[in-house]
Protein backbone atom coordinates (compact mmCIF):
# COMPACT_ATOMS: atom_id res chain seq x y z
CA MET A 1 15.08 2.97 29.56
CA PRO A 2 17.65 0.56 27.95
CA ARG A 3 18.85 1.52 24.51
CA PRO A 4 18.68 -1.03 21.69
CA ALA A 5 21.89 -2.78 20.74
CA PRO A 6 24.04 -0.98 18.14
CA GLU A 7 23.39 -3.54 15.41
CA ILE A 8 19.63 -3.29 16.01
CA ARG A 9 19.77 0.52 15.97
CA GLY A 10 21.65 0.37 12.69
CA LEU A 11 19.15 -1.97 11.06
CA VAL A 12 16.14 -0.04 12.32
CA SER A 13 17.68 3.30 11.41
CA LYS A 14 18.45 2.19 7.87
CA SER A 15 15.01 0.67 7.31
CA LEU A 16 13.17 3.67 8.75
CA LYS A 17 15.35 6.01 6.73
CA HIS A 18 14.38 4.22 3.53
CA ILE A 19 10.72 4.18 4.56
CA SER A 20 10.81 7.91 5.36
CA ILE A 21 12.40 8.67 1.97
CA VAL A 22 9.82 6.64 0.08
CA SER A 23 6.98 8.05 2.23
CA ALA A 24 8.07 11.65 1.61
CA ALA A 25 8.39 11.14 -2.13
CA THR A 26 5.10 9.26 -2.26
CA MET A 27 3.39 12.00 -0.24
CA VAL A 28 4.42 14.53 -2.88
CA SER A 29 3.21 12.17 -5.58
CA ARG A 30 -0.15 11.59 -3.89
CA VAL A 31 -0.69 15.31 -3.32
CA LEU A 32 0.01 15.89 -7.01
CA GLY A 33 -2.30 12.98 -7.78
CA LEU A 34 -5.08 14.63 -5.82
CA GLY A 35 -4.36 17.85 -7.68
CA ARG A 36 -4.58 15.95 -10.96
CA ASP A 37 -7.88 14.33 -9.96
CA SER A 38 -9.23 17.64 -8.67
CA LEU A 39 -8.40 19.29 -11.99
CA THR A 40 -9.89 16.40 -13.97
CA ALA A 41 -13.06 16.47 -11.86
CA ALA A 42 -13.35 20.25 -12.28
CA VAL A 43 -13.07 19.95 -16.07
CA PHE A 44 -15.14 16.82 -16.70
CA GLY A 45 -17.11 16.37 -13.45
CA THR A 46 -18.92 13.05 -13.29
CA SER A 47 -19.90 13.19 -16.96
CA ALA A 48 -19.98 10.17 -19.24
CA LEU A 49 -16.72 11.32 -20.86
CA GLY A 50 -15.00 11.54 -17.49
CA SER A 51 -16.24 8.08 -16.49
CA ALA A 52 -15.10 6.73 -19.86
CA PHE A 53 -11.59 8.09 -19.25
CA TYR A 54 -11.35 6.58 -15.77
CA THR A 55 -12.45 3.22 -17.17
CA ALA A 56 -10.08 3.44 -20.14
CA PHE A 57 -7.12 4.41 -17.93
CA THR A 58 -7.95 1.48 -15.65
CA LEU A 59 -7.22 -1.04 -18.42
CA PRO A 60 -3.53 -0.25 -19.10
CA ASN A 61 -3.00 0.28 -15.37
CA LEU A 62 -4.36 -3.17 -14.63
CA PHE A 63 -2.22 -4.72 -17.36
CA ARG A 64 0.72 -2.88 -15.80
CA ARG A 65 0.00 -4.67 -12.53
CA LEU A 66 -0.40 -7.93 -14.44
CA LEU A 67 2.85 -7.76 -16.42
CA GLY A 68 4.88 -5.19 -14.52
CA GLU A 69 4.54 -4.40 -10.87
CA GLY A 70 2.71 -7.54 -9.76
CA ALA A 71 3.87 -10.74 -11.44
CA LEU A 72 7.23 -9.45 -12.63
CA THR A 73 8.28 -7.81 -9.36
CA ALA A 74 7.22 -10.85 -7.36
CA ALA A 75 9.40 -13.11 -9.50
CA PHE A 76 12.18 -10.65 -10.39
CA VAL A 77 13.21 -9.31 -6.98
CA PRO A 78 13.98 -12.67 -5.30
CA THR A 79 15.81 -13.93 -8.40
CA LEU A 80 17.76 -10.68 -8.72
CA ASN A 81 18.75 -10.93 -5.06
CA GLU A 82 20.12 -14.41 -5.69
CA GLU A 83 22.02 -13.16 -8.74
CA LEU A 84 23.50 -10.32 -6.69
CA SER A 85 24.72 -12.82 -4.12
CA ARG A 86 26.33 -15.06 -6.74
CA ARG A 87 27.64 -12.78 -9.48
CA ARG A 88 27.37 -9.31 -7.94
CA GLU A 89 26.21 -6.34 -10.02
CA ALA A 90 27.53 -7.62 -13.37
CA GLY A 91 25.24 -10.65 -13.22
CA ALA A 92 22.31 -8.56 -11.95
CA PHE A 93 22.66 -6.03 -14.78
CA ALA A 94 22.87 -8.81 -17.39
CA LEU A 95 19.68 -10.33 -16.01
CA LEU A 96 17.99 -6.91 -16.05
CA SER A 97 18.75 -6.53 -19.78
CA GLN A 98 17.29 -9.95 -20.51
CA VAL A 99 14.14 -9.32 -18.48
CA ALA A 100 13.64 -5.84 -19.98
CA SER A 101 14.03 -7.24 -23.51
CA TRP A 102 11.43 -9.96 -22.99
CA LEU A 103 9.13 -7.48 -21.26
CA LEU A 104 9.40 -5.05 -24.18
CA LEU A 105 8.50 -7.83 -26.61
CA ALA A 106 5.56 -9.11 -24.54
CA THR A 107 4.04 -5.70 -23.84
CA THR A 108 4.37 -4.60 -27.47
CA VAL A 109 2.40 -7.67 -28.58
CA VAL A 110 -0.26 -7.11 -25.89
CA VAL A 111 -0.61 -3.43 -26.75
CA GLY A 112 -0.78 -4.07 -30.50
CA LEU A 113 -3.48 -6.75 -30.20
CA SER A 114 -5.46 -4.71 -27.65
CA MET A 115 -5.45 -1.57 -29.79
CA ILE A 116 -6.61 -3.53 -32.83
CA ALA A 117 -9.41 -5.19 -30.87
CA LEU A 118 -10.58 -1.95 -29.25
CA ALA A 119 -10.47 -0.03 -32.53
CA ALA A 120 -12.58 -2.74 -34.18
CA LEU A 121 -15.19 -2.77 -31.40
CA PRO A 122 -17.59 -0.20 -32.94
CA ALA A 123 -17.68 -2.11 -36.26
CA LEU A 124 -18.19 -5.38 -34.40
CA LEU A 125 -21.10 -4.01 -32.38
CA SER A 126 -22.74 -2.62 -35.52
CA ARG A 127 -22.69 -6.11 -37.06
CA VAL A 128 -24.11 -7.73 -33.94
CA GLY A 129 -27.13 -5.47 -34.04
CA PRO A 130 -29.18 -4.09 -31.13
CA LEU A 131 -27.84 -5.00 -27.70
CA PRO A 132 -29.89 -5.62 -24.56
CA ALA A 133 -28.12 -2.67 -22.90
CA GLU A 134 -29.47 0.88 -23.07
CA PRO A 135 -28.11 3.01 -25.97
CA GLU A 136 -26.54 5.42 -23.45
CA THR A 137 -24.68 2.51 -21.84
CA VAL A 138 -23.37 1.29 -25.21
CA GLN A 139 -22.21 4.82 -26.01
CA ARG A 140 -20.24 4.97 -22.73
CA TRP A 141 -18.63 1.61 -23.58
CA LEU A 142 -17.62 2.89 -27.01
CA GLN A 143 -16.17 6.10 -25.55
CA ALA A 144 -14.09 4.04 -23.12
CA ALA A 145 -12.89 1.80 -25.96
CA HIS A 146 -11.89 4.81 -28.07
CA LEU A 147 -9.89 6.37 -25.23
CA SER A 148 -8.28 3.01 -24.47
CA VAL A 149 -6.79 2.94 -27.97
CA TRP A 150 -5.01 6.21 -27.14
CA LEU A 151 -3.91 5.11 -23.69
CA PHE A 152 -2.76 1.52 -24.19
CA PRO A 153 0.80 2.40 -25.36
CA TYR A 154 1.33 3.67 -21.80
CA LEU A 155 1.50 0.01 -20.83
CA ILE A 156 4.83 -0.55 -22.61
CA VAL A 157 6.79 2.23 -20.95
CA VAL A 158 5.28 1.82 -17.49
CA CYS A 159 6.01 -1.93 -17.41
CA LEU A 160 9.65 -1.23 -18.30
CA ALA A 161 9.64 1.45 -15.60
CA ALA A 162 8.39 -1.15 -13.10
CA ALA A 163 11.30 -3.48 -14.00
CA PHE A 164 13.86 -0.68 -13.67
CA SER A 165 12.36 0.43 -10.35
CA ALA A 166 12.44 -3.13 -8.99
CA ALA A 167 16.13 -3.36 -9.89
CA LEU A 168 16.87 -0.08 -8.12
CA GLN A 169 15.01 -1.19 -5.00
CA THR A 170 17.04 -4.41 -4.94
CA LEU A 171 20.17 -2.25 -5.08
CA GLN A 172 18.82 -0.25 -2.09
CA ARG A 173 18.01 2.81 -4.23
CA PHE A 174 14.47 3.82 -3.22
CA LEU A 175 14.20 7.52 -4.08
CA GLU A 176 14.06 7.29 -7.88
CA PRO A 177 11.35 4.59 -7.94
CA ALA A 178 9.32 6.56 -5.38
CA LEU A 179 9.52 9.66 -7.60
CA SER A 180 8.15 7.77 -10.61
CA PRO A 181 4.44 8.67 -10.20
CA ILE A 182 5.39 12.34 -9.80
CA TRP A 183 6.39 12.55 -13.47
CA LEU A 184 3.03 11.11 -14.55
CA ASN A 185 1.06 13.52 -12.38
CA CYS A 186 3.09 16.54 -13.49
CA ALA A 187 2.66 15.65 -17.16
CA MET A 188 -1.10 15.16 -16.85
CA ILE A 189 -1.58 18.35 -14.82
CA GLY A 190 0.65 20.36 -17.13
CA LEU A 191 -0.95 19.31 -20.42
CA LEU A 192 -4.57 19.32 -19.23
CA GLY A 193 -4.12 22.56 -17.28
CA GLY A 194 -2.32 24.17 -20.20
CA ALA A 195 -5.04 23.11 -22.62
CA VAL A 196 -7.81 24.50 -20.40
CA TYR A 197 -5.89 27.74 -19.85
CA LEU A 198 -5.02 28.28 -23.54
CA GLN A 199 -8.30 26.93 -24.96
CA PRO A 200 -10.96 27.53 -22.29
CA GLU A 201 -13.80 27.44 -24.83
CA ALA A 202 -12.69 24.24 -26.53
CA ALA A 203 -14.88 21.17 -26.41
CA ASP A 204 -14.36 18.62 -23.65
CA THR A 205 -13.16 16.12 -26.25
CA VAL A 206 -10.25 18.44 -27.10
CA HIS A 207 -9.26 18.76 -23.45
CA MET A 208 -9.54 14.97 -23.14
CA GLN A 209 -7.04 14.51 -25.97
CA TRP A 210 -4.49 16.60 -24.11
CA LEU A 211 -5.13 14.62 -20.93
CA CYS A 212 -4.34 11.43 -22.86
CA TYR A 213 -1.15 13.03 -24.23
CA GLY A 214 -0.20 13.78 -20.64
CA VAL A 215 -0.58 10.11 -19.70
CA LEU A 216 1.76 9.05 -22.53
CA LEU A 217 4.34 11.73 -21.77
CA GLY A 218 4.27 10.86 -18.08
CA GLY A 219 4.81 7.19 -18.89
CA VAL A 220 7.91 7.98 -20.92
CA LEU A 221 9.33 10.03 -18.05
CA GLN A 222 8.53 7.22 -15.60
CA MET A 223 10.65 4.87 -17.72
CA VAL A 224 13.53 7.21 -18.55
CA VAL A 225 14.38 8.46 -15.03
CA PRO A 226 15.07 5.05 -13.40
CA ALA A 227 16.79 3.83 -16.57
CA VAL A 228 19.23 6.76 -16.48
CA THR A 229 19.88 6.12 -12.77
CA LEU A 230 20.70 2.48 -13.51
CA MET A 231 23.06 3.55 -16.29
CA ARG A 232 24.87 5.82 -13.85
CA LEU A 233 25.26 2.81 -11.56
CA GLY A 234 26.94 0.87 -14.35
CA TRP A 235 24.15 -0.78 -16.30
CA ARG A 236 24.62 -0.84 -20.08
CA PRO A 237 21.27 -1.65 -21.68
CA ARG A 238 21.23 -4.08 -24.57
CA PHE A 239 18.53 -6.05 -26.35
CA ASP A 240 19.09 -9.61 -25.17
CA LEU A 241 16.48 -12.34 -25.67
CA GLN A 242 18.68 -15.05 -24.22
CA LEU A 243 16.69 -17.65 -22.30
CA SER A 244 19.06 -18.00 -19.36
CA ASP A 245 18.28 -20.21 -16.38
CA GLN A 246 17.38 -17.09 -14.38
CA VAL A 247 14.94 -15.88 -17.06
CA ARG A 248 13.35 -19.31 -17.18
CA ALA A 249 13.06 -19.30 -13.38
CA ILE A 250 11.38 -15.88 -13.48
CA ALA A 251 8.98 -17.10 -16.18
CA ARG A 252 8.07 -20.17 -14.10
CA LEU A 253 7.46 -18.01 -11.05
CA MET A 254 5.46 -15.49 -13.09
CA ALA A 255 3.12 -18.04 -14.65
CA PRO A 256 0.82 -18.62 -11.64
CA THR A 257 1.17 -14.98 -10.57
CA VAL A 258 0.10 -13.80 -14.03
CA PHE A 259 -2.95 -16.03 -13.73
CA GLY A 260 -3.73 -14.62 -10.29
CA SER A 261 -3.18 -11.07 -11.48
CA ALA A 262 -5.35 -11.80 -14.50
CA ILE A 263 -8.15 -12.72 -12.10
CA TYR A 264 -7.61 -9.39 -10.36
CA LEU A 265 -7.57 -7.71 -13.78
CA VAL A 266 -10.91 -9.20 -14.72
CA ASN A 267 -12.23 -8.40 -11.25
CA MET A 268 -11.42 -4.70 -11.48
CA ALA A 269 -12.46 -4.46 -15.12
CA VAL A 270 -15.85 -5.98 -14.31
CA SER A 271 -16.34 -3.53 -11.42
CA ARG A 272 -15.55 -0.57 -13.65
CA LEU A 273 -17.74 -1.84 -16.50
CA VAL A 274 -20.60 -2.47 -14.09
CA GLY A 275 -20.15 1.08 -12.79
CA LEU A 276 -20.04 2.39 -16.35
CA SER A 277 -23.24 0.50 -17.07
CA LEU A 278 -25.13 1.92 -14.08
CA ASP A 279 -25.05 5.59 -15.07
CA ASP A 280 -22.77 8.41 -16.20
CA ALA A 281 -21.35 9.12 -12.74
CA SER A 282 -20.66 5.74 -11.07
CA ALA A 283 -17.29 4.95 -12.67
CA ALA A 284 -16.02 8.46 -11.94
CA LEU A 285 -17.22 8.36 -8.31
CA LEU A 286 -15.67 4.92 -7.73
CA ASN A 287 -12.37 6.08 -9.19
CA LEU A 288 -12.18 9.29 -7.16
CA ALA A 289 -13.14 7.49 -3.94
CA THR A 290 -10.47 4.85 -4.63
CA ARG A 291 -7.87 7.54 -5.24
CA LEU A 292 -8.65 9.21 -1.92
CA MET A 293 -8.51 5.90 -0.10
CA GLU A 294 -5.14 5.16 -1.70
CA LEU A 295 -3.58 8.30 -0.22
CA PRO A 296 -2.65 6.71 3.15
CA ILE A 297 -1.89 3.42 1.38
CA GLY A 298 0.47 5.10 -1.04
CA VAL A 299 2.13 7.37 1.48
CA PHE A 300 2.95 4.70 4.02
CA ALA A 301 1.74 1.16 3.26
CA VAL A 302 3.32 1.07 -0.18
CA ALA A 303 6.45 2.74 1.20
CA VAL A 304 6.82 0.08 3.90
CA THR A 305 6.09 -2.74 1.45
CA THR A 306 8.63 -1.33 -1.02
CA VAL A 307 11.38 -1.34 1.59
CA VAL A 308 10.41 -4.56 3.40
CA PHE A 309 9.95 -6.78 0.33
CA PRO A 310 13.63 -6.83 -0.75
CA LEU A 311 14.57 -7.36 2.91
CA ILE A 312 12.31 -10.36 3.51
CA SER A 313 13.29 -11.74 0.08
CA ARG A 314 16.94 -11.56 1.10
CA HIS A 315 16.23 -13.35 4.39
CA ALA A 316 14.23 -16.01 2.54
CA ALA A 317 17.00 -16.51 -0.02
CA GLN A 318 19.44 -17.07 2.86
CA GLY A 319 17.07 -19.39 4.74
CA ASP A 320 16.92 -16.96 7.67
CA TRP A 321 13.27 -17.52 8.57
CA ASP A 322 13.49 -15.80 11.95
CA GLY A 323 14.92 -12.69 10.28
CA MET A 324 12.21 -12.81 7.63
CA ALA A 325 9.45 -13.10 10.25
CA ASP A 326 10.90 -10.24 12.29
CA ALA A 327 11.09 -7.94 9.25
CA TYR A 328 7.57 -8.92 8.22
CA ARG A 329 6.11 -8.18 11.65
CA ARG A 330 7.88 -4.82 11.84
CA GLY A 331 6.53 -3.87 8.43
CA MET A 332 2.99 -5.01 9.19
CA ARG A 333 2.99 -3.17 12.52
CA LEU A 334 4.02 0.07 10.81
CA ILE A 335 1.37 -0.37 8.10
CA LEU A 336 -1.47 -0.92 10.57
CA LEU A 337 -0.14 1.84 12.82
CA ILE A 338 -1.03 4.36 10.13
CA ASN A 339 -3.89 2.82 8.21
CA ILE A 340 -6.28 1.90 11.04
CA PRO A 341 -6.54 5.51 12.31
CA ALA A 342 -6.50 6.75 8.71
CA ALA A 343 -9.54 4.60 7.97
CA ILE A 344 -11.47 6.02 10.92
CA GLY A 345 -10.46 9.60 10.16
CA LEU A 346 -11.32 9.36 6.47
CA THR A 347 -14.70 7.82 7.29
CA LEU A 348 -15.61 10.64 9.69
CA LEU A 349 -14.33 13.46 7.49
CA ALA A 350 -15.47 12.09 4.10
CA SER A 351 -17.85 14.92 3.16
CA PRO A 352 -15.64 17.93 4.02
CA VAL A 353 -12.60 16.24 2.44
CA ILE A 354 -14.50 15.74 -0.82
CA ARG A 355 -15.79 19.32 -0.79
CA VAL A 356 -12.30 20.73 -0.20
CA LEU A 357 -10.63 18.62 -2.88
CA PHE A 358 -13.20 18.23 -5.65
CA GLN A 359 -16.33 20.39 -5.32
CA ARG A 360 -15.68 23.02 -7.95
CA GLY A 361 -16.27 23.52 -11.66
CA ALA A 362 -18.25 20.63 -13.11
CA PHE A 363 -18.18 18.68 -9.81
CA SER A 364 -21.34 19.70 -7.93
CA ALA A 365 -22.72 19.40 -4.40
CA SER A 366 -24.91 16.50 -5.53
CA ASP A 367 -21.77 14.68 -6.66
CA THR A 368 -20.30 15.22 -3.19
CA ALA A 369 -23.43 13.81 -1.58
CA ALA A 370 -23.26 10.75 -3.84
CA MET A 371 -19.54 10.17 -3.29
CA ALA A 372 -19.33 10.65 0.52
CA PRO A 373 -20.92 7.31 1.55
CA VAL A 374 -18.88 5.49 -1.11
CA LEU A 375 -15.66 6.99 0.25
CA ALA A 376 -16.62 6.24 3.86
CA LEU A 377 -17.33 2.61 2.98
CA TYR A 378 -14.10 2.27 0.99
CA ALA A 379 -12.15 3.80 3.87
CA LEU A 380 -13.31 1.08 6.28
CA GLY A 381 -11.58 -1.47 4.05
CA LEU A 382 -8.30 0.45 4.09
CA PRO A 383 -6.52 -1.61 6.79
CA PHE A 384 -7.38 -4.84 4.96
CA VAL A 385 -6.07 -3.53 1.62
CA SER A 386 -2.84 -2.50 3.33
CA PHE A 387 -2.59 -5.85 5.10
CA VAL A 388 -2.95 -7.78 1.83
CA SER A 389 -0.28 -5.68 0.10
CA LEU A 390 2.40 -6.92 2.52
CA ALA A 391 0.99 -10.40 3.16
CA LEU A 392 1.29 -11.16 -0.56
CA ARG A 393 4.97 -10.18 -0.43
CA ALA A 394 5.59 -12.79 2.27
CA PHE A 395 4.49 -15.49 -0.18
CA TYR A 396 6.42 -13.95 -3.06
CA ALA A 397 9.59 -13.81 -0.96
CA GLU A 398 9.44 -17.60 -0.60
CA LYS A 399 8.60 -17.93 -4.29
CA ASP A 400 5.11 -19.20 -3.47
CA THR A 401 2.96 -17.76 -6.23
CA THR A 402 0.21 -20.37 -6.04
CA THR A 403 -1.41 -19.21 -2.79
CA PRO A 404 -1.86 -15.60 -4.01
CA VAL A 405 -3.59 -17.00 -7.12
CA ARG A 406 -6.09 -18.89 -4.99
CA ALA A 407 -6.65 -15.80 -2.84
CA ALA A 408 -7.26 -13.69 -5.95
CA LEU A 409 -9.72 -16.24 -7.34
CA ILE A 410 -11.71 -16.29 -4.08
CA SER A 411 -11.72 -12.49 -3.99
CA PHE A 412 -12.92 -12.34 -7.59
CA VAL A 413 -15.83 -14.73 -7.00
CA VAL A 414 -16.93 -12.81 -3.89
CA ASN A 415 -16.63 -9.41 -5.57
CA LEU A 416 -18.42 -10.39 -8.76
CA GLY A 417 -21.24 -12.18 -6.94
CA LEU A 418 -21.88 -9.35 -4.52
CA SER A 419 -21.54 -6.67 -7.23
CA LEU A 420 -24.25 -8.31 -9.32
CA ALA A 421 -26.42 -8.90 -6.24
CA CYS A 422 -26.11 -5.35 -4.87
CA MET A 423 -25.88 -3.12 -7.95
CA ASP A 424 -29.63 -2.78 -8.53
CA ARG A 425 -30.57 -2.10 -4.90
CA LEU A 426 -27.54 -0.12 -3.70
CA GLY A 427 -26.03 1.20 -6.94
CA THR A 428 -22.50 2.58 -6.61
CA LEU A 429 -22.52 1.92 -2.87
CA GLY A 430 -23.18 -1.76 -3.59
CA LEU A 431 -20.07 -1.98 -5.76
CA ALA A 432 -17.97 -0.45 -2.98
CA LEU A 433 -19.46 -2.85 -0.45
CA ALA A 434 -18.69 -5.82 -2.70
CA GLY A 435 -15.08 -4.73 -3.07
CA ASN A 436 -14.66 -4.35 0.68
CA VAL A 437 -16.09 -7.77 1.52
CA ALA A 438 -13.87 -9.35 -1.14
CA ILE A 439 -10.67 -7.79 0.27
CA VAL A 440 -11.61 -8.86 3.83
CA VAL A 441 -12.10 -12.44 2.66
CA GLN A 442 -8.78 -12.31 0.78
CA ALA A 443 -6.95 -10.99 3.85
CA ALA A 444 -8.41 -13.72 6.07
CA TYR A 445 -7.46 -16.44 3.60
CA LEU A 446 -3.88 -15.21 3.21
CA GLN A 447 -3.37 -14.89 6.95
CA SER A 448 -4.70 -18.39 7.61
CA LYS A 449 -2.21 -19.78 5.09
CA LEU A 450 0.65 -17.75 6.58
CA SER A 451 -0.16 -19.00 10.08
CA ARG A 452 -0.20 -22.63 8.97
CA HIS A 453 2.98 -22.33 6.93
CA ARG A 454 5.16 -20.47 9.45
CA LYS A 455 4.11 -20.06 13.04
CA ALA A 456 6.29 -16.95 13.38
CA LEU A 457 4.01 -15.22 10.86
CA ALA A 458 0.80 -16.02 12.76
CA PHE A 459 -1.49 -13.09 13.50
CA SER A 460 -1.26 -13.85 17.23
CA HIS A 461 2.17 -12.20 17.21
CA LEU A 462 0.51 -8.94 16.10
CA LEU A 463 -2.74 -9.21 18.05
CA GLY A 464 -1.54 -7.17 21.05
CA ASP A 465 -0.31 -4.39 18.74
CA VAL A 466 -3.58 -4.38 16.78
CA VAL A 467 -5.64 -4.12 19.98
CA LYS A 468 -3.60 -1.11 21.15
CA ILE A 469 -3.76 0.55 17.72
CA THR A 470 -7.51 -0.02 17.47
CA LEU A 471 -8.18 1.27 20.99
CA ALA A 472 -6.14 4.43 20.37
CA SER A 473 -7.84 4.91 16.99
CA VAL A 474 -11.34 4.58 18.44
CA ILE A 475 -10.60 7.13 21.18
CA MET A 476 -9.09 9.46 18.59
CA GLY A 477 -12.12 8.97 16.34
CA SER A 478 -14.49 9.81 19.18
CA VAL A 479 -12.72 13.12 19.72
CA VAL A 480 -12.82 13.90 15.99
CA LEU A 481 -16.53 13.02 15.88
CA GLY A 482 -17.21 15.35 18.82
CA TRP A 483 -15.29 18.13 17.06
CA THR A 484 -17.18 17.74 13.78
CA PHE A 485 -20.55 17.62 15.58
CA GLY A 486 -19.77 20.81 17.49
CA TRP A 487 -18.34 22.56 14.44
CA HIS A 488 -21.41 21.86 12.30
CA ARG A 489 -23.63 23.58 14.84
CA TYR A 490 -22.04 26.90 13.93
CA ALA A 491 -20.31 26.48 10.55
CA ARG A 492 -21.73 26.40 7.04
CA ASP A 493 -20.76 24.16 4.14
CA THR A 494 -18.23 26.53 2.60
CA ALA A 495 -14.74 25.77 1.37
CA ILE A 496 -13.01 27.71 4.15
CA HIS A 497 -15.16 26.13 6.86
CA ASP A 498 -14.56 22.66 5.43
CA ALA A 499 -10.81 23.28 5.34
CA ILE A 500 -10.89 24.40 8.98
CA GLU A 501 -12.91 21.34 9.97
CA VAL A 502 -10.45 18.95 8.31
CA GLY A 503 -7.32 20.82 9.36
CA VAL A 504 -8.25 21.26 13.02
CA GLY A 505 -9.56 17.69 13.20
CA ILE A 506 -6.24 16.31 11.96
CA ALA A 507 -4.25 18.70 14.15
CA PHE A 508 -6.08 17.36 17.23
CA ALA A 509 -6.11 13.74 16.13
CA VAL A 510 -2.44 13.12 15.31
CA PRO A 511 -0.82 14.18 18.62
CA LEU A 512 -3.67 12.58 20.60
CA TYR A 513 -3.18 9.28 18.76
CA ALA A 514 0.60 9.39 19.25
CA THR A 515 0.18 10.13 22.97
CA LEU A 516 -2.27 7.25 23.39
CA LEU A 517 0.10 4.81 21.69
CA TRP A 518 2.93 6.00 23.91
CA ALA A 519 0.82 5.55 27.03
CA LEU A 520 -0.16 2.06 25.87
CA ARG A 521 3.56 1.22 25.48
CA MET A 522 3.24 0.36 21.81
CA GLN A 523 5.95 -2.06 20.70
CA GLY A 524 8.67 -0.47 18.58
CA ARG A 525 8.61 2.97 20.19
CA ASP A 526 12.20 2.52 21.48
CA GLU A 527 13.33 1.73 17.96
CA VAL A 528 11.73 4.88 16.60
CA LEU A 529 13.40 6.88 19.37
CA ALA A 530 16.75 5.32 18.50
CA TRP A 531 16.30 6.29 14.87
CA ILE A 532 15.34 9.88 15.78
CA ARG A 533 18.32 10.09 18.14
CA VAL A 534 20.72 8.94 15.42
CA ARG A 535 19.25 11.33 12.86
CA PHE A 536 19.44 14.38 15.12
CA ARG A 537 22.94 13.60 16.33
CA GLY A 538 24.08 13.12 12.77
CA LYS A 539 25.57 9.71 13.46
CA LYS A 540 25.84 7.10 10.82
CA ALA A 541 23.81 3.95 11.23
């Protein structure tokens, strides 16, 4: 078997090394996140208070995507790459100070206005008089608004953290940004767990206060750690509201992306509010199912996207379209390589996974029964969510922020229309179905635009890989299905039996899937071998 050329081995080795670092750190973060959600579910279950918290925490998180990770990163990373090429690190650090200063100002204004509006909501509703909604629904809305007042300051620190992390990724420092969610999870687990341990008889509202404190503490840590790393690399932070050409360019690029992200913001907010309006449990079940679905996305898809985005942005800035297309295809292949089998596995093992992770304390067997079909349906949309996460970066790398806006608008219309059409007949399952259809439509739209814009990014270049991945995944899924069917003939629904079912199923599935891909001569296997060979021999890429 011929070995790849040295320069190819070096590039592949470096990229896979970064992906493995981010994946490992993100795996720790996601495990802690599951621990956090398991603890939260055990304390609050699917109660109205728990659903109110999930809805309230969604709002600053969505604004974070709007102002921080989404629009800002899409505009900041390509511009920062250009600044690095022209003025090296001195120019990049000056631009970082300017962007961070404007971001601090903008988020402070947003947070201040939002807190005032949310705090005034109860008085406003009392003046309006009786609402068409049920009193229990209005009470859930008010609980969510009250918790949002506590949680909105998280937006300021986490948006600054997103800017600092984007700068580190551009400088090829991926570990510190990948560790960022760990601080949030540790803070939330520590303060909520400590409160329950020290005050076990306290009211749920008291425990909820400590959970909110954990969010704020975690946000501060998320901001401080990457900031300190940047300072060690030579950055000297200063408050600088200079409107340089680069800042203006970022603002122009952000404008359509902010609009597109705002559509996504409204989309998600509507879904959560609809869930909150259905009953006490829907918002909590949707959130927990989403968190489980995000485990394979966060561990690998986000890791690949994090590493590939600066790379394709650099190729685009240099006009190297062949290099950009090659990096994009490698990244997309790796994403689908993990997320297609993950979708099948999570669908088949939904019930035992939920019982192992959440069924304890206030989270009952009936909650598991209600959540399992929602999780299975969400899981089927996993490959499309992962696909969109990288496809969007291809547009951002070329500073095309208009197409993602159109895609977001189409997705919003589909999601909202189907949510309203399905909520009465299918309940929570209808909201999950609407979200899945919307992401499939968005993926199809983005891919059609990519194919027309650059032929090298057409899906036909990945079709052979997708067929092999899907075939191997279906065979793997059939074996897992046979295992679960046989196991349930003898086992009972206990925690230990569920853990065995999941553990043995995964232990069989992973090597079988890898063997099938190898037998099908999956593209890229020689590159992975080259990377493993370099790592074990201790050679430098």
